[in-house]
Amino acid sequence: MLLDYVGPMAIQMNVAEAKAKLSELIARAEAGEEVIIARDGKPAVVLKPAGQTRLQGAREIGIFSHLGEVWVAPDAWSPDEEAADFLDRSFAEDQAGPLKAGEDGP
């Protein structure tokens, strides 16, 4: 058997044997073991449960990584009519020049 011990709760197996034992490897990954499939003795892929988004011990890069997963509203990037009107007025005022006391904008 070409099964290598990689670390606590981790195994590594070459592709040929992994093909023959795929059901067993999936069950082990679902049970929490890190299952690494190697090609020519070099790690190629890691099996992990579908709900798991990151490898254990993997680092996230970014200033907000301590917050975990960030939710963005579905309409977050849709146009904001109030903001668009404000920007249109501001642009029109810039083009018209400064207002004099008592004048209304465009």
PDB file of N, CA and C in Angstrom:
ATOM      1  N   MET A   1       0.851  -1.180   0.000  1.00  0.00           N
ATOM      2  CA  MET A   1       0.000   0.000   0.000  1.00  0.00           C
ATOM      3  C   MET A   1       0.891   1.235   0.000  1.00  0.00           C
ATOM      4  N   LEU A   2       0.560   2.212  -0.831  1.00  0.00           N
ATOM      5  CA  LEU A   2       1.375   3.415  -0.963  1.00  0.00           C
ATOM      6  C   LEU A   2       0.807   4.556  -0.127  1.00  0.00           C
ATOM      7  N   LEU A   3       0.524   4.265   1.126  1.00  0.00           N
ATOM      8  CA  LEU A   3      -0.065   5.237   2.033  1.00  0.00           C
ATOM      9  C   LEU A   3       1.032   5.813   2.907  1.00  0.00           C
ATOM     10  N   ASP A   4       1.156   7.118   2.904  1.00  0.00           N
ATOM     11  CA  ASP A   4       2.177   7.778   3.713  1.00  0.00           C
ATOM     12  C   ASP A   4       1.520   8.540   4.849  1.00  0.00           C
ATOM     13  N   TYR A   5       2.170   8.488   6.032  1.00  0.00           N
ATOM     14  CA  TYR A   5       1.732   9.290   7.163  1.00  0.00           C
ATOM     15  C   TYR A   5       2.326  10.677   6.986  1.00  0.00           C
ATOM     16  N   VAL A   6       1.482  11.700   6.937  1.00  0.00           N
ATOM     17  CA  VAL A   6       1.945  13.061   6.689  1.00  0.00           C
ATOM     18  C   VAL A   6       1.975  13.876   7.969  1.00  0.00           C
ATOM     19  N   GLY A   7       1.078  13.640   8.859  1.00  0.00           N
ATOM     20  CA  GLY A   7       1.000  14.397  10.109  1.00  0.00           C
ATOM     21  C   GLY A   7      -0.224  13.940  10.871  1.00  0.00           C
ATOM     22  N   PRO A   8      -0.536  14.603  11.990  1.00  0.00           N
ATOM     23  CA  PRO A   8      -1.707  14.199  12.754  1.00  0.00           C
ATOM     24  C   PRO A   8      -2.962  14.309  11.885  1.00  0.00           C
ATOM     25  N   MET A   9      -3.696  13.243  11.819  1.00  0.00           N
ATOM     26  CA  MET A   9      -4.951  13.204  11.067  1.00  0.00           C
ATOM     27  C   MET A   9      -4.746  13.521   9.587  1.00  0.00           C
ATOM     28  N   ALA A  10      -3.636  13.088   9.000  1.00  0.00           N
ATOM     29  CA  ALA A  10      -3.396  13.328   7.578  1.00  0.00           C
ATOM     30  C   ALA A  10      -2.767  12.090   6.949  1.00  0.00           C
ATOM     31  N   ILE A  11      -3.216  11.781   5.725  1.00  0.00           N
ATOM     32  CA  ILE A  11      -2.627  10.680   4.970  1.00  0.00           C
ATOM     33  C   ILE A  11      -2.342  11.152   3.557  1.00  0.00           C
ATOM     34  N   GLN A  12      -1.401  10.500   2.907  1.00  0.00           N
ATOM     35  CA  GLN A  12      -1.078  10.820   1.518  1.00  0.00           C
ATOM     36  C   GLN A  12      -1.056   9.521   0.736  1.00  0.00           C
ATOM     37  N   MET A  13      -1.658   9.540  -0.442  1.00  0.00           N
ATOM     38  CA  MET A  13      -1.738   8.351  -1.267  1.00  0.00           C
ATOM     39  C   MET A  13      -1.531   8.746  -2.723  1.00  0.00           C
ATOM     40  N   ASN A  14      -0.838   7.893  -3.476  1.00  0.00           N
ATOM     41  CA  ASN A  14      -0.630   8.162  -4.895  1.00  0.00           C
ATOM     42  C   ASN A  14      -1.917   7.939  -5.685  1.00  0.00           C
ATOM     43  N   VAL A  15      -2.000   8.573  -6.847  1.00  0.00           N
ATOM     44  CA  VAL A  15      -3.205   8.588  -7.668  1.00  0.00           C
ATOM     45  C   VAL A  15      -3.709   7.179  -7.984  1.00  0.00           C
ATOM     46  N   ALA A  16      -2.839   6.287  -8.403  1.00  0.00           N
ATOM     47  CA  ALA A  16      -3.276   4.946  -8.815  1.00  0.00           C
ATOM     48  C   ALA A  16      -4.028   4.239  -7.693  1.00  0.00           C
ATOM     49  N   GLU A  17      -3.502   4.268  -6.485  1.00  0.00           N
ATOM     50  CA  GLU A  17      -4.176   3.605  -5.374  1.00  0.00           C
ATOM     51  C   GLU A  17      -5.409   4.387  -4.937  1.00  0.00           C
ATOM     52  N   ALA A  18      -5.352   5.720  -5.038  1.00  0.00           N
ATOM     53  CA  ALA A  18      -6.502   6.544  -4.652  1.00  0.00           C
ATOM     54  C   ALA A  18      -7.704   6.229  -5.533  1.00  0.00           C
ATOM     55  N   LYS A  19      -7.476   5.927  -6.814  1.00  0.00           N
ATOM     56  CA  LYS A  19      -8.577   5.558  -7.705  1.00  0.00           C
ATOM     57  C   LYS A  19      -9.293   4.320  -7.182  1.00  0.00           C
ATOM     58  N   ALA A  20      -8.517   3.357  -6.733  1.00  0.00           N
ATOM     59  CA  ALA A  20      -9.094   2.099  -6.257  1.00  0.00           C
ATOM     60  C   ALA A  20      -9.781   2.252  -4.911  1.00  0.00           C
ATOM     61  N   LYS A  21      -9.395   3.228  -4.115  1.00  0.00           N
ATOM     62  CA  LYS A  21      -9.918   3.381  -2.754  1.00  0.00           C
ATOM     63  C   LYS A  21     -10.653   4.696  -2.565  1.00  0.00           C
ATOM     64  N   LEU A  22     -11.205   5.237  -3.642  1.00  0.00           N
ATOM     65  CA  LEU A  22     -11.822   6.564  -3.567  1.00  0.00           C
ATOM     66  C   LEU A  22     -12.936   6.633  -2.524  1.00  0.00           C
ATOM     67  N   SER A  23     -13.803   5.635  -2.470  1.00  0.00           N
ATOM     68  CA  SER A  23     -14.898   5.656  -1.480  1.00  0.00           C
ATOM     69  C   SER A  23     -14.350   5.724  -0.057  1.00  0.00           C
ATOM     70  N   GLU A  24     -13.320   4.938   0.229  1.00  0.00           N
ATOM     71  CA  GLU A  24     -12.704   4.938   1.560  1.00  0.00           C
ATOM     72  C   GLU A  24     -12.085   6.300   1.858  1.00  0.00           C
ATOM     73  N   LEU A  25     -11.410   6.887   0.878  1.00  0.00           N
ATOM     74  CA  LEU A  25     -10.765   8.181   1.084  1.00  0.00           C
ATOM     75  C   LEU A  25     -11.793   9.278   1.329  1.00  0.00           C
ATOM     76  N   ILE A  26     -12.905   9.218   0.604  1.00  0.00           N
ATOM     77  CA  ILE A  26     -13.966  10.211   0.818  1.00  0.00           C
ATOM     78  C   ILE A  26     -14.509  10.089   2.241  1.00  0.00           C
ATOM     79  N   ALA A  27     -14.733   8.863   2.692  1.00  0.00           N
ATOM     80  CA  ALA A  27     -15.243   8.658   4.054  1.00  0.00           C
ATOM     81  C   ALA A  27     -14.252   9.182   5.090  1.00  0.00           C
ATOM     82  N   ARG A  28     -12.972   8.954   4.864  1.00  0.00           N
ATOM     83  CA  ARG A  28     -11.959   9.438   5.813  1.00  0.00           C
ATOM     84  C   ARG A  28     -11.906  10.965   5.833  1.00  0.00           C
ATOM     85  N   ALA A  29     -12.034  11.582   4.652  1.00  0.00           N
ATOM     86  CA  ALA A  29     -12.044  13.049   4.587  1.00  0.00           C
ATOM     87  C   ALA A  29     -13.268  13.604   5.300  1.00  0.00           C
ATOM     88  N   GLU A  30     -14.428  12.968   5.097  1.00  0.00           N
ATOM     89  CA  GLU A  30     -15.650  13.415   5.770  1.00  0.00           C
ATOM     90  C   GLU A  30     -15.543  13.260   7.286  1.00  0.00           C
ATOM     91  N   ALA A  31     -14.734  12.304   7.730  1.00  0.00           N
ATOM     92  CA  ALA A  31     -14.541  12.089   9.169  1.00  0.00           C
ATOM     93  C   ALA A  31     -13.544  13.074   9.773  1.00  0.00           C
ATOM     94  N   GLY A  32     -12.935  13.912   8.925  1.00  0.00           N
ATOM     95  CA  GLY A  32     -12.042  14.940   9.440  1.00  0.00           C
ATOM     96  C   GLY A  32     -10.573  14.736   9.132  1.00  0.00           C
ATOM     97  N   GLU A  33     -10.224  13.614   8.506  1.00  0.00           N
ATOM     98  CA  GLU A  33      -8.816  13.396   8.153  1.00  0.00           C
ATOM     99  C   GLU A  33      -8.451  14.229   6.927  1.00  0.00           C
ATOM    100  N   GLU A  34      -7.244  14.717   6.889  1.00  0.00           N
ATOM    101  CA  GLU A  34      -6.749  15.402   5.702  1.00  0.00           C
ATOM    102  C   GLU A  34      -6.216  14.332   4.761  1.00  0.00           C
ATOM    103  N   VAL A  35      -6.811  14.222   3.582  1.00  0.00           N
ATOM    104  CA  VAL A  35      -6.432  13.208   2.611  1.00  0.00           C
ATOM    105  C   VAL A  35      -5.756  13.904   1.435  1.00  0.00           C
ATOM    106  N   ILE A  36      -4.486  13.595   1.244  1.00  0.00           N
ATOM    107  CA  ILE A  36      -3.703  14.213   0.182  1.00  0.00           C
ATOM    108  C   ILE A  36      -3.455  13.169  -0.896  1.00  0.00           C
ATOM    109  N   ILE A  37      -3.788  13.514  -2.128  1.00  0.00           N
ATOM    110  CA  ILE A  37      -3.510  12.616  -3.250  1.00  0.00           C
ATOM    111  C   ILE A  37      -2.296  13.184  -3.978  1.00  0.00           C
ATOM    112  N   ALA A  38      -1.299  12.303  -4.152  1.00  0.00           N
ATOM    113  CA  ALA A  38      -0.023  12.740  -4.716  1.00  0.00           C
ATOM    114  C   ALA A  38       0.174  12.167  -6.119  1.00  0.00           C
ATOM    115  N   ARG A  39       0.932  12.884  -6.912  1.00  0.00           N
ATOM    116  CA  ARG A  39       1.345  12.432  -8.229  1.00  0.00           C
ATOM    117  C   ARG A  39       2.866  12.352  -8.204  1.00  0.00           C
ATOM    118  N   ASP A  40       3.404  11.192  -8.456  1.00  0.00           N
ATOM    119  CA  ASP A  40       4.850  10.963  -8.390  1.00  0.00           C
ATOM    120  C   ASP A  40       5.430  11.358  -7.033  1.00  0.00           C
ATOM    121  N   GLY A  41       4.678  11.082  -5.971  1.00  0.00           N
ATOM    122  CA  GLY A  41       5.147  11.348  -4.620  1.00  0.00           C
ATOM    123  C   GLY A  41       5.030  12.787  -4.170  1.00  0.00           C
ATOM    124  N   LYS A  42       4.526  13.677  -5.038  1.00  0.00           N
ATOM    125  CA  LYS A  42       4.373  15.093  -4.682  1.00  0.00           C
ATOM    126  C   LYS A  42       2.893  15.405  -4.508  1.00  0.00           C
ATOM    127  N   PRO A  43       2.510  16.072  -3.412  1.00  0.00           N
ATOM    128  CA  PRO A  43       1.093  16.390  -3.195  1.00  0.00           C
ATOM    129  C   PRO A  43       0.496  17.131  -4.387  1.00  0.00           C
ATOM    130  N   ALA A  44      -0.671  16.662  -4.846  1.00  0.00           N
ATOM    131  CA  ALA A  44      -1.341  17.282  -5.990  1.00  0.00           C
ATOM    132  C   ALA A  44      -2.669  17.906  -5.579  1.00  0.00           C
ATOM    133  N   VAL A  45      -3.484  17.157  -4.810  1.00  0.00           N
ATOM    134  CA  VAL A  45      -4.786  17.669  -4.371  1.00  0.00           C
ATOM    135  C   VAL A  45      -5.067  17.214  -2.948  1.00  0.00           C
ATOM    136  N   VAL A  46      -6.003  17.909  -2.308  1.00  0.00           N
ATOM    137  CA  VAL A  46      -6.433  17.562  -0.956  1.00  0.00           C
ATOM    138  C   VAL A  46      -7.936  17.297  -1.003  1.00  0.00           C
ATOM    139  N   LEU A  47      -8.360  16.164  -0.460  1.00  0.00           N
ATOM    140  CA  LEU A  47      -9.794  15.878  -0.328  1.00  0.00           C
ATOM    141  C   LEU A  47     -10.267  16.472   0.985  1.00  0.00           C
ATOM    142  N   LYS A  48     -11.401  17.158   0.938  1.00  0.00           N
ATOM    143  CA  LYS A  48     -11.989  17.705   2.149  1.00  0.00           C
ATOM    144  C   LYS A  48     -13.495  17.754   1.970  1.00  0.00           C
ATOM    145  N   PRO A  49     -14.272  17.769   3.048  1.00  0.00           N
ATOM    146  CA  PRO A  49     -15.728  17.835   2.921  1.00  0.00           C
ATOM    147  C   PRO A  49     -16.156  19.091   2.166  1.00  0.00           C
ATOM    148  N   ALA A  50     -17.242  18.992   1.421  1.00  0.00           N
ATOM    149  CA  ALA A  50     -17.705  20.097   0.577  1.00  0.00           C
ATOM    150  C   ALA A  50     -18.008  21.361   1.371  1.00  0.00           C
ATOM    151  N   GLY A  51     -18.494  21.260   2.604  1.00  0.00           N
ATOM    152  CA  GLY A  51     -18.826  22.433   3.401  1.00  0.00           C
ATOM    153  C   GLY A  51     -17.621  23.175   3.935  1.00  0.00           C
ATOM    154  N   GLN A  52     -16.457  22.568   3.877  1.00  0.00           N
ATOM    155  CA  GLN A  52     -15.238  23.190   4.405  1.00  0.00           C
ATOM    156  C   GLN A  52     -14.646  24.080   3.314  1.00  0.00           C
ATOM    157  N   THR A  53     -14.421  25.358   3.616  1.00  0.00           N
ATOM    158  CA  THR A  53     -13.964  26.280   2.593  1.00  0.00           C
ATOM    159  C   THR A  53     -12.460  26.486   2.579  1.00  0.00           C
ATOM    160  N   ARG A  54     -11.775  26.185   3.667  1.00  0.00           N
ATOM    161  CA  ARG A  54     -10.333  26.417   3.742  1.00  0.00           C
ATOM    162  C   ARG A  54      -9.633  25.192   4.295  1.00  0.00           C
ATOM    163  N   LEU A  55      -8.374  25.078   3.960  1.00  0.00           N
ATOM    164  CA  LEU A  55      -7.554  24.037   4.559  1.00  0.00           C
ATOM    165  C   LEU A  55      -7.250  24.408   5.997  1.00  0.00           C
ATOM    166  N   GLN A  56      -7.134  23.425   6.873  1.00  0.00           N
ATOM    167  CA  GLN A  56      -6.763  23.719   8.251  1.00  0.00           C
ATOM    168  C   GLN A  56      -5.389  24.366   8.264  1.00  0.00           C
ATOM    169  N   GLY A  57      -5.246  25.436   9.011  1.00  0.00           N
ATOM    170  CA  GLY A  57      -3.964  26.096   9.143  1.00  0.00           C
ATOM    171  C   GLY A  57      -3.637  27.044   8.006  1.00  0.00           C
ATOM    172  N   ALA A  58      -4.502  27.128   6.989  1.00  0.00           N
ATOM    173  CA  ALA A  58      -4.230  28.047   5.881  1.00  0.00           C
ATOM    174  C   ALA A  58      -4.403  29.478   6.381  1.00  0.00           C
ATOM    175  N   ARG A  59      -3.584  30.367   5.889  1.00  0.00           N
ATOM    176  CA  ARG A  59      -3.663  31.764   6.304  1.00  0.00           C
ATOM    177  C   ARG A  59      -4.468  32.558   5.293  1.00  0.00           C
ATOM    178  N   GLU A  60      -5.266  33.476   5.791  1.00  0.00           N
ATOM    179  CA  GLU A  60      -5.970  34.401   4.931  1.00  0.00           C
ATOM    180  C   GLU A  60      -5.172  35.689   4.896  1.00  0.00           C
ATOM    181  N   ILE A  61      -5.144  36.295   3.752  1.00  0.00           N
ATOM    182  CA  ILE A  61      -4.409  37.535   3.596  1.00  0.00           C
ATOM    183  C   ILE A  61      -5.422  38.667   3.503  1.00  0.00           C
ATOM    184  N   GLY A  62      -5.179  39.735   4.206  1.00  0.00           N
ATOM    185  CA  GLY A  62      -6.052  40.893   4.132  1.00  0.00           C
ATOM    186  C   GLY A  62      -6.293  41.490   5.503  1.00  0.00           C
ATOM    187  N   ILE A  63      -6.648  42.759   5.503  1.00  0.00           N
ATOM    188  CA  ILE A  63      -6.814  43.440   6.779  1.00  0.00           C
ATOM    189  C   ILE A  63      -8.107  43.054   7.484  1.00  0.00           C
ATOM    190  N   PHE A  64      -9.072  42.462   6.758  1.00  0.00           N
ATOM    191  CA  PHE A  64     -10.334  42.072   7.374  1.00  0.00           C
ATOM    192  C   PHE A  64     -10.435  40.568   7.588  1.00  0.00           C
ATOM    193  N   SER A  65      -9.336  39.833   7.447  1.00  0.00           N
ATOM    194  CA  SER A  65      -9.381  38.380   7.562  1.00  0.00           C
ATOM    195  C   SER A  65      -9.826  37.936   8.959  1.00  0.00           C
ATOM    196  N   HIS A  66      -9.608  38.765   9.974  1.00  0.00           N
ATOM    197  CA  HIS A  66     -10.026  38.393  11.328  1.00  0.00           C
ATOM    198  C   HIS A  66     -11.545  38.361  11.465  1.00  0.00           C
ATOM    199  N   LEU A  67     -12.261  38.951  10.523  1.00  0.00           N
ATOM    200  CA  LEU A  67     -13.717  38.963  10.570  1.00  0.00           C
ATOM    201  C   LEU A  67     -14.322  37.691  10.003  1.00  0.00           C
ATOM    202  N   GLY A  68     -13.505  36.875   9.360  1.00  0.00           N
ATOM    203  CA  GLY A  68     -14.027  35.654   8.750  1.00  0.00           C
ATOM    204  C   GLY A  68     -14.706  35.973   7.436  1.00  0.00           C
ATOM    205  N   GLU A  69     -15.715  35.204   7.125  1.00  0.00           N
ATOM    206  CA  GLU A  69     -16.434  35.401   5.869  1.00  0.00           C
ATOM    207  C   GLU A  69     -17.290  36.657   5.976  1.00  0.00           C
ATOM    208  N   VAL A  70     -17.271  37.496   4.962  1.00  0.00           N
ATOM    209  CA  VAL A  70     -18.016  38.746   4.965  1.00  0.00           C
ATOM    210  C   VAL A  70     -19.211  38.606   4.031  1.00  0.00           C
ATOM    211  N   TRP A  71     -20.393  38.978   4.507  1.00  0.00           N
ATOM    212  CA  TRP A  71     -21.604  38.911   3.709  1.00  0.00           C
ATOM    213  C   TRP A  71     -21.808  40.235   3.008  1.00  0.00           C
ATOM    214  N   VAL A  72     -22.148  40.185   1.730  1.00  0.00           N
ATOM    215  CA  VAL A  72     -22.437  41.386   0.952  1.00  0.00           C
ATOM    216  C   VAL A  72     -23.866  41.264   0.443  1.00  0.00           C
ATOM    217  N   ALA A  73     -24.658  42.311   0.661  1.00  0.00           N
ATOM    218  CA  ALA A  73     -26.053  42.303   0.229  1.00  0.00           C
ATOM    219  C   ALA A  73     -26.131  42.132  -1.285  1.00  0.00           C
ATOM    220  N   PRO A  74     -27.139  41.416  -1.766  1.00  0.00           N
ATOM    221  CA  PRO A  74     -27.269  41.191  -3.210  1.00  0.00           C
ATOM    222  C   PRO A  74     -27.371  42.484  -4.008  1.00  0.00           C
ATOM    223  N   ASP A  75     -27.935  43.523  -3.409  1.00  0.00           N
ATOM    224  CA  ASP A  75     -28.094  44.789  -4.133  1.00  0.00           C
ATOM    225  C   ASP A  75     -26.981  45.798  -3.810  1.00  0.00           C
ATOM    226  N   ALA A  76     -25.893  45.330  -3.232  1.00  0.00           N
ATOM    227  CA  ALA A  76     -24.823  46.230  -2.802  1.00  0.00           C
ATOM    228  C   ALA A  76     -24.237  47.047  -3.956  1.00  0.00           C
ATOM    229  N   TRP A  77     -24.210  46.479  -5.137  1.00  0.00           N
ATOM    230  CA  TRP A  77     -23.587  47.176  -6.269  1.00  0.00           C
ATOM    231  C   TRP A  77     -24.610  47.767  -7.219  1.00  0.00           C
ATOM    232  N   SER A  78     -25.902  47.742  -6.854  1.00  0.00           N
ATOM    233  CA  SER A  78     -26.912  48.347  -7.715  1.00  0.00           C
ATOM    234  C   SER A  78     -26.897  49.860  -7.505  1.00  0.00           C
ATOM    235  N   PRO A  79     -27.325  50.620  -8.505  1.00  0.00           N
ATOM    236  CA  PRO A  79     -27.263  52.083  -8.405  1.00  0.00           C
ATOM    237  C   PRO A  79     -28.110  52.623  -7.260  1.00  0.00           C
ATOM    238  N   ASP A  80     -27.624  53.652  -6.610  1.00  0.00           N
ATOM    239  CA  ASP A  80     -28.336  54.344  -5.544  1.00  0.00           C
ATOM    240  C   ASP A  80     -28.838  55.661  -6.134  1.00  0.00           C
ATOM    241  N   GLU A  81     -30.157  55.771  -6.342  1.00  0.00           N
ATOM    242  CA  GLU A  81     -30.732  56.941  -7.012  1.00  0.00           C
ATOM    243  C   GLU A  81     -30.447  58.240  -6.258  1.00  0.00           C
ATOM    244  N   GLU A  82     -30.539  58.225  -4.939  1.00  0.00           N
ATOM    245  CA  GLU A  82     -30.292  59.426  -4.144  1.00  0.00           C
ATOM    246  C   GLU A  82     -28.840  59.897  -4.303  1.00  0.00           C
ATOM    247  N   ALA A  83     -27.912  58.950  -4.254  1.00  0.00           N
ATOM    248  CA  ALA A  83     -26.503  59.306  -4.428  1.00  0.00           C
ATOM    249  C   ALA A  83     -26.239  59.805  -5.846  1.00  0.00           C
ATOM    250  N   ALA A  84     -26.876  59.194  -6.829  1.00  0.00           N
ATOM    251  CA  ALA A  84     -26.688  59.615  -8.224  1.00  0.00           C
ATOM    252  C   ALA A  84     -27.197  61.048  -8.418  1.00  0.00           C
ATOM    253  N   ASP A  85     -28.369  61.367  -7.834  1.00  0.00           N
ATOM    254  CA  ASP A  85     -28.904  62.733  -7.939  1.00  0.00           C
ATOM    255  C   ASP A  85     -27.966  63.734  -7.273  1.00  0.00           C
ATOM    256  N   PHE A  86     -27.451  63.388  -6.105  1.00  0.00           N
ATOM    257  CA  PHE A  86     -26.517  64.261  -5.398  1.00  0.00           C
ATOM    258  C   PHE A  86     -25.268  64.526  -6.247  1.00  0.00           C
ATOM    259  N   LEU A  87     -24.708  63.468  -6.824  1.00  0.00           N
ATOM    260  CA  LEU A  87     -23.512  63.632  -7.648  1.00  0.00           C
ATOM    261  C   LEU A  87     -23.800  64.439  -8.904  1.00  0.00           C
ATOM    262  N   ASP A  88     -24.970  64.221  -9.505  1.00  0.00           N
ATOM    263  CA  ASP A  88     -25.343  65.007 -10.690  1.00  0.00           C
ATOM    264  C   ASP A  88     -25.442  66.488 -10.344  1.00  0.00           C
ATOM    265  N   ARG A  89     -26.078  66.805  -9.194  1.00  0.00           N
ATOM    266  CA  ARG A  89     -26.197  68.205  -8.768  1.00  0.00           C
ATOM    267  C   ARG A  89     -24.815  68.793  -8.481  1.00  0.00           C
ATOM    268  N   SER A  90     -23.972  68.025  -7.810  1.00  0.00           N
ATOM    269  CA  SER A  90     -22.633  68.508  -7.476  1.00  0.00           C
ATOM    270  C   SER A  90     -21.838  68.792  -8.740  1.00  0.00           C
ATOM    271  N   PHE A  91     -21.941  67.909  -9.721  1.00  0.00           N
ATOM    272  CA  PHE A  91     -21.217  68.095 -10.969  1.00  0.00           C
ATOM    273  C   PHE A  91     -21.735  69.332 -11.710  1.00  0.00           C
ATOM    274  N   ALA A  92     -23.066  69.505 -11.718  1.00  0.00           N
ATOM    275  CA  ALA A  92     -23.662  70.666 -12.390  1.00  0.00           C
ATOM    276  C   ALA A  92     -23.210  71.958 -11.717  1.00  0.00           C
ATOM    277  N   GLU A  93     -23.134  71.943 -10.367  1.00  0.00           N
ATOM    278  CA  GLU A  93     -22.681  73.132  -9.645  1.00  0.00           C
ATOM    279  C   GLU A  93     -21.225  73.442  -9.971  1.00  0.00           C
ATOM    280  N   ASP A  94     -20.413  72.424 -10.068  1.00  0.00           N
ATOM    281  CA  ASP A  94     -19.007  72.624 -10.405  1.00  0.00           C
ATOM    282  C   ASP A  94     -18.870  73.231 -11.799  1.00  0.00           C
ATOM    283  N   GLN A  95     -19.701  72.788 -12.733  1.00  0.00           N
ATOM    284  CA  GLN A  95     -19.636  73.287 -14.102  1.00  0.00           C
ATOM    285  C   GLN A  95     -20.154  74.717 -14.202  1.00  0.00           C
ATOM    286  N   ALA A  96     -21.155  75.079 -13.363  1.00  0.00           N
ATOM    287  CA  ALA A  96     -21.761  76.411 -13.407  1.00  0.00           C
ATOM    288  C   ALA A  96     -20.935  77.444 -12.657  1.00  0.00           C
ATOM    289  N   GLY A  97     -20.034  76.999 -11.850  1.00  0.00           N
ATOM    290  CA  GLY A  97     -19.245  77.934 -11.057  1.00  0.00           C
ATOM    291  C   GLY A  97     -19.873  78.133  -9.694  1.00  0.00           C
ATOM    292  N   PRO A  98     -19.233  78.923  -8.822  1.00  0.00           N
ATOM    293  CA  PRO A  98     -19.752  79.107  -7.467  1.00  0.00           C
ATOM    294  C   PRO A  98     -21.084  79.861  -7.480  1.00  0.00           C
ATOM    295  N   LEU A  99     -21.960  79.505  -6.535  1.00  0.00           N
ATOM    296  CA  LEU A  99     -23.246  80.181  -6.398  1.00  0.00           C
ATOM    297  C   LEU A  99     -23.041  81.462  -5.616  1.00  0.00           C
ATOM    298  N   LYS A 100     -23.862  82.460  -5.944  1.00  0.00           N
ATOM    299  CA  LYS A 100     -23.866  83.701  -5.195  1.00  0.00           C
ATOM    300  C   LYS A 100     -24.875  83.563  -4.076  1.00  0.00           C
ATOM    301  N   ALA A 101     -24.754  84.366  -3.052  1.00  0.00           N
ATOM    302  CA  ALA A 101     -25.659  84.302  -1.910  1.00  0.00           C
ATOM    303  C   ALA A 101     -27.097  84.455  -2.391  1.00  0.00           C
ATOM    304  N   GLY A 102     -27.976  83.561  -1.909  1.00  0.00           N
ATOM    305  CA  GLY A 102     -29.399  83.651  -2.242  1.00  0.00           C
ATOM    306  C   GLY A 102     -29.775  82.913  -3.513  1.00  0.00           C
ATOM    307  N   GLU A 103     -28.826  82.405  -4.293  1.00  0.00           N
ATOM    308  CA  GLU A 103     -29.147  81.684  -5.517  1.00  0.00           C
ATOM    309  C   GLU A 103     -29.405  80.213  -5.205  1.00  0.00           C
ATOM    310  N   ASP A 104     -30.316  79.647  -5.965  1.00  0.00           N
ATOM    311  CA  ASP A 104     -30.534  78.202  -5.882  1.00  0.00           C
ATOM    312  C   ASP A 104     -29.670  77.525  -6.934  1.00  0.00           C
ATOM    313  N   GLY A 105     -29.327  76.303  -6.645  1.00  0.00           N
ATOM    314  CA  GLY A 105     -28.529  75.538  -7.600  1.00  0.00           C
ATOM    315  C   GLY A 105     -29.338  75.162  -8.813  1.00  0.00           C
ATOM    316  N   PRO A 106     -28.719  74.529  -9.790  1.00  0.00           N
ATOM    317  CA  PRO A 106     -29.420  74.141 -11.037  1.00  0.00           C
ATOM    318  C   PRO A 106     -30.533  73.160 -10.773  1.00  0.00           C
TER     319      PRO A 106
END
